[in-house]
Amino acid sequence: MSDSVLIRNENMGGASQIDAETAEQFIAEKHIGERIKRLRLKKSMGLVELGRHTGLSASFLSQLETGRVVPTLRNLARIAMVFSKDLPYFFEAEPQALFRVHRRKERVRLPQTGVDDPTYFFESLGYMVPDRLMDPYFAEFLPLKKGQDVRPHLHAGYEFLYLLEGELEIRHGDQVCHMATGDAVYFDASTSHAYLCASKTPAVALIVTMHQPPIAQPTMQLRPLGPAIPARTPSTTPSAGSTVRPATPSGNGNVATSQG
């Protein structure tokens, strides 16, 4: 029975035949040849070198990678051992490249946490991405009301902000910077920082926080958070305000916010 494979179907109580064409199609759908080529190129290994390790000819390996021949389990096992893989590696479903779309209508608008009268609202743009290395947000900073206070904060990593609309004042350590629409800033988030809407209408921004911590400096000590920054009045010096806090995905995929 060289052209077919005989299998026993326990449910039917009989036997059925899978022809060679169907078997080869199954092999082709697993992209075994492509997987072997990716492993080889990842190791910067040529066909001749792989042939020396496996005892297979470079010509055969080339045909195998292009799908012109079907490997036996014996030959596949030889190749798997070269790359420290198990046989199931070639038959398991291939991992899909990360690609997540966050529709505007599906996002959740969240207020600043820990206060009764929030100075900003934000929407996570990456809450569906597990183990993400950055957190992107859409943020809206509101003009401060009379007597309303905001507090600076800090966290590990870096932060990027691009101002889409309005005006914003940013305090970063001892620096105070006025930003207009179209301006962008990238800074070390482990330094105390705060945002303050400086326009009569809300300031809208795209913010990305990076989880990569700064290089450790044994002699550097972070200063404690300062007192609340009072709202600006016409007779006082401009001050800075609040910012979006990083959101952490919860087990059910929703966004859980934290207050620093």
Protein backbone atom coordinates (compact mmCIF):
# COMPACT_ATOMS: atom_id res chain seq x y z
CA MET A 1 0.00 0.00 0.00
CA SER A 2 2.59 2.50 -1.13
CA ASP A 3 0.20 5.21 -2.33
CA SER A 4 -2.08 5.41 0.69
CA VAL A 5 -2.15 5.34 4.46
CA LEU A 6 -4.51 2.96 6.26
CA ILE A 7 -6.07 4.26 9.48
CA ARG A 8 -8.53 2.67 11.90
CA ASN A 9 -11.65 4.69 12.69
CA GLU A 10 -12.84 3.55 16.11
CA ASN A 11 -16.19 5.37 15.86
CA MET A 12 -17.12 3.79 12.53
CA GLY A 13 -15.74 0.40 13.45
CA GLY A 14 -14.11 0.09 10.06
CA ALA A 15 -11.15 1.34 8.08
CA SER A 16 -10.70 4.27 5.72
CA GLN A 17 -7.89 5.21 3.41
CA ILE A 18 -6.10 8.54 3.13
CA ASP A 19 -4.41 8.83 -0.22
CA ALA A 20 -0.91 10.20 -0.72
CA GLU A 21 -2.20 13.48 -2.14
CA THR A 22 -4.22 14.18 1.00
CA ALA A 23 -1.26 13.33 3.21
CA GLU A 24 1.01 15.64 1.23
CA GLN A 25 -1.57 18.42 1.48
CA PHE A 26 -1.61 17.97 5.25
CA ILE A 27 2.18 18.27 5.30
CA ALA A 28 2.05 21.35 3.08
CA GLU A 29 -0.48 23.06 5.35
CA LYS A 30 1.93 22.71 8.27
CA HIS A 31 4.57 24.65 6.30
CA ILE A 32 7.25 22.22 7.48
CA GLY A 33 9.70 23.24 4.78
CA GLU A 34 9.27 26.91 5.63
CA ARG A 35 9.77 26.20 9.33
CA ILE A 36 12.99 24.33 8.62
CA LYS A 37 14.27 27.19 6.48
CA ARG A 38 13.46 29.77 9.18
CA LEU A 39 15.30 27.71 11.78
CA ARG A 40 18.30 27.34 9.48
CA LEU A 41 18.48 31.03 8.58
CA LYS A 42 18.05 32.04 12.20
CA LYS A 43 21.23 30.08 12.93
CA SER A 44 22.93 31.56 9.82
CA MET A 45 23.41 28.00 8.64
CA GLY A 46 23.80 26.96 5.00
CA LEU A 47 22.25 23.88 3.40
CA VAL A 48 25.63 22.16 3.19
CA GLU A 49 26.29 22.69 6.90
CA LEU A 50 22.83 21.44 7.85
CA GLY A 51 23.48 18.43 5.63
CA ARG A 52 26.69 17.63 7.51
CA HIS A 53 24.80 17.69 10.83
CA THR A 54 21.89 15.56 9.62
CA GLY A 55 23.53 13.22 7.09
CA LEU A 56 21.14 14.52 4.41
CA SER A 57 22.24 16.02 1.12
CA ALA A 58 22.00 19.76 0.50
CA SER A 59 19.96 18.99 -2.63
CA PHE A 60 17.41 17.00 -0.62
CA LEU A 61 17.20 19.70 2.06
CA SER A 62 16.61 22.35 -0.61
CA GLN A 63 13.74 20.33 -2.08
CA LEU A 64 12.39 19.77 1.42
CA GLU A 65 12.36 23.50 2.21
CA THR A 66 10.57 24.31 -1.05
CA GLY A 67 7.96 21.59 -0.52
CA ARG A 68 9.01 19.41 -3.46
CA VAL A 69 9.58 16.38 -1.24
CA VAL A 70 7.82 15.11 1.86
CA PRO A 71 10.06 14.34 4.87
CA THR A 72 9.96 11.05 6.73
CA LEU A 73 9.73 11.16 10.51
CA ARG A 74 13.30 9.84 10.69
CA ASN A 75 14.65 12.73 8.59
CA LEU A 76 12.49 15.25 10.42
CA ALA A 77 13.79 13.99 13.75
CA ARG A 78 17.38 14.49 12.56
CA ILE A 79 16.64 18.09 11.62
CA ALA A 80 14.71 18.74 14.85
CA MET A 81 17.64 17.61 16.99
CA VAL A 82 20.03 19.97 15.21
CA PHE A 83 17.87 22.90 16.29
CA SER A 84 17.00 21.49 19.74
CA LYS A 85 13.35 21.08 18.80
CA ASP A 86 10.86 18.27 19.41
CA LEU A 87 8.96 16.65 16.55
CA PRO A 88 5.63 18.28 17.59
CA TYR A 89 7.20 21.67 16.80
CA PHE A 90 6.72 21.00 13.09
CA PHE A 91 3.04 20.06 13.46
CA GLU A 92 1.74 22.50 16.04
CA ALA A 93 -0.19 25.56 14.94
CA GLU A 94 2.19 28.37 14.10
CA PRO A 95 2.07 31.35 16.46
CA GLN A 96 0.39 34.34 14.91
CA ALA A 97 2.22 37.66 14.72
CA LEU A 98 0.86 40.11 17.27
CA PHE A 99 -1.86 42.27 15.74
CA ARG A 100 -4.61 43.88 17.85
CA VAL A 101 -7.13 46.48 16.72
CA HIS A 102 -8.81 48.71 19.32
CA ARG A 103 -11.98 50.17 17.80
CA ARG A 104 -12.98 53.60 19.00
CA LYS A 105 -16.51 52.46 19.85
CA GLU A 106 -15.11 49.61 22.00
CA ARG A 107 -12.76 51.70 24.13
CA VAL A 108 -13.66 52.74 27.65
CA ARG A 109 -13.32 56.36 28.80
CA LEU A 110 -11.91 56.37 32.32
CA PRO A 111 -11.56 59.29 34.73
CA GLN A 112 -8.57 60.20 36.86
CA THR A 113 -8.59 57.83 39.82
CA GLY A 114 -8.58 58.68 43.51
CA VAL A 115 -10.25 62.09 43.20
CA ASP A 116 -13.84 63.27 43.30
CA ASP A 117 -13.32 65.95 40.65
CA PRO A 118 -11.01 64.54 37.90
CA THR A 119 -8.77 66.87 35.89
CA TYR A 120 -8.39 64.42 33.01
CA PHE A 121 -9.96 61.42 31.28
CA PHE A 122 -8.14 58.74 29.32
CA GLU A 123 -8.69 55.70 27.11
CA SER A 124 -6.25 52.80 26.91
CA LEU A 125 -5.26 52.04 23.31
CA GLY A 126 -3.48 48.79 24.15
CA TYR A 127 -5.58 47.03 26.78
CA MET A 128 -6.06 43.93 24.59
CA VAL A 129 -2.31 43.31 24.21
CA PRO A 130 -0.89 40.88 26.80
CA ASP A 131 2.62 41.38 28.19
CA ARG A 132 2.96 44.66 26.30
CA LEU A 133 6.17 46.69 26.52
CA MET A 134 4.41 50.03 26.22
CA ASP A 135 1.05 51.54 27.17
CA PRO A 136 -0.53 53.93 24.66
CA TYR A 137 -3.34 56.28 25.76
CA PHE A 138 -5.70 58.86 24.36
CA ALA A 139 -5.93 61.58 27.03
CA GLU A 140 -8.10 64.64 27.52
CA PHE A 141 -6.95 67.24 30.08
CA LEU A 142 -9.63 69.61 31.36
CA PRO A 143 -9.12 73.30 32.22
CA LEU A 144 -8.72 73.55 35.98
CA LYS A 145 -11.54 74.96 38.03
CA LYS A 146 -10.96 77.61 40.65
CA GLY A 147 -9.37 76.05 43.72
CA GLN A 148 -8.84 72.71 42.00
CA ASP A 149 -5.48 71.04 42.77
CA VAL A 150 -3.40 68.44 40.92
CA ARG A 151 -0.44 66.37 42.09
CA PRO A 152 2.78 65.40 40.27
CA HIS A 153 3.79 61.75 40.12
CA LEU A 154 6.56 59.49 38.83
CA HIS A 155 6.99 55.91 37.65
CA ALA A 156 9.68 53.70 36.14
CA GLY A 157 10.38 53.89 32.42
CA TYR A 158 9.92 56.61 29.83
CA GLU A 159 7.02 58.63 28.54
CA PHE A 160 6.14 60.18 25.18
CA LEU A 161 3.41 62.76 24.59
CA TYR A 162 2.14 64.26 21.34
CA LEU A 163 -0.31 67.15 21.75
CA LEU A 164 -3.21 66.84 19.31
CA GLU A 165 -5.30 69.82 20.43
CA GLY A 166 -5.13 72.74 22.86
CA GLU A 167 -2.25 73.89 25.05
CA LEU A 168 -0.53 72.07 27.87
CA GLU A 169 1.98 72.97 30.55
CA ILE A 170 4.32 70.19 31.67
CA ARG A 171 6.43 70.25 34.83
CA HIS A 172 9.31 67.79 34.82
CA GLY A 173 11.44 68.11 37.92
CA ASP A 174 12.44 71.79 38.05
CA GLN A 175 11.51 72.42 34.42
CA VAL A 176 8.23 73.95 33.26
CA CYS A 177 7.43 73.72 29.56
CA HIS A 178 4.53 75.22 27.60
CA MET A 179 3.36 73.03 24.71
CA ALA A 180 1.17 73.95 21.76
CA THR A 181 -0.74 71.78 19.29
CA GLY A 182 1.66 69.60 17.32
CA ASP A 183 4.44 69.70 19.94
CA ALA A 184 5.87 66.47 21.32
CA VAL A 185 7.96 65.54 24.36
CA TYR A 186 9.90 62.44 25.42
CA PHE A 187 11.15 62.22 28.99
CA ASP A 188 12.37 60.07 31.86
CA ALA A 189 9.23 59.23 33.82
CA SER A 190 11.17 58.37 37.00
CA THR A 191 11.45 62.14 37.57
CA SER A 192 8.42 63.80 39.16
CA HIS A 193 6.17 65.21 36.42
CA ALA A 194 2.70 66.70 36.03
CA TYR A 195 0.40 68.12 33.34
CA LEU A 196 -1.84 71.19 33.37
CA CYS A 197 -4.30 72.21 30.69
CA ALA A 198 -3.26 75.74 29.66
CA SER A 199 -6.06 76.46 27.20
CA LYS A 200 -9.71 77.44 27.64
CA THR A 201 -10.75 74.23 25.89
CA PRO A 202 -9.57 70.71 26.82
CA ALA A 203 -6.08 69.70 25.75
CA VAL A 204 -6.08 66.39 23.88
CA ALA A 205 -2.94 64.24 23.65
CA LEU A 206 -1.59 60.86 22.65
CA ILE A 207 0.59 59.44 25.45
CA VAL A 208 2.82 56.36 25.37
CA THR A 209 4.50 55.07 28.52
CA MET A 210 7.42 52.68 28.09
CA HIS A 211 8.02 49.96 30.68
CA GLN A 212 11.80 49.91 30.20
CA PRO A 213 13.33 51.30 33.39
CA PRO A 214 16.22 53.75 33.19
CA ILE A 215 19.77 52.51 33.75
CA ALA A 216 20.35 52.07 37.47
CA GLN A 217 22.30 54.86 39.10
CA PRO A 218 23.49 53.73 42.58
CA THR A 219 24.05 57.30 43.79
CA MET A 220 20.75 58.67 42.47
CA GLN A 221 17.79 58.96 44.81
CA LEU A 222 14.32 59.91 43.65
CA ARG A 223 12.84 62.86 45.42
CA PRO A 224 9.50 62.33 47.16
CA LEU A 225 6.42 63.72 45.50
CA GLY A 226 5.87 67.39 46.19
CA PRO A 227 2.76 69.02 47.57
CA ALA A 228 -0.31 69.55 45.46
CA ILE A 229 0.12 72.15 42.73
CA PRO A 230 -2.58 74.80 43.10
CA ALA A 231 -4.68 75.93 40.18
CA ARG A 232 -3.25 78.87 38.27
CA THR A 233 -4.75 82.29 38.78
CA PRO A 234 -4.09 85.43 36.68
CA SER A 235 -1.84 86.86 39.41
CA THR A 236 0.34 83.78 39.99
CA THR A 237 3.17 82.08 38.17
CA PRO A 238 2.07 79.28 35.79
CA SER A 239 2.28 75.84 37.34
CA ALA A 240 1.99 72.30 36.07
CA GLY A 241 -0.60 69.65 36.67
CA SER A 242 -1.76 66.14 36.23
CA THR A 243 -1.04 63.25 33.91
CA VAL A 244 -2.43 59.92 32.85
CA ARG A 245 -1.59 57.01 35.15
CA PRO A 246 -0.46 53.72 33.57
CA ALA A 247 -3.24 51.15 33.23
CA THR A 248 -2.68 47.50 34.02
CA PRO A 249 -4.73 44.82 32.23
CA SER A 250 -6.77 42.66 34.55
CA GLY A 251 -7.34 38.98 34.09
CA ASN A 252 -10.60 39.50 32.21
CA GLY A 253 -9.12 41.91 29.67
CA ASN A 254 -10.50 45.06 31.26
CA VAL A 255 -8.32 47.96 32.25
CA ALA A 256 -7.43 48.34 35.90
CA THR A 257 -6.00 51.69 36.88
CA SER A 258 -3.71 52.49 39.77
CA GLN A 259 -3.16 55.57 41.84
CA GLY A 260 0.36 56.61 42.62
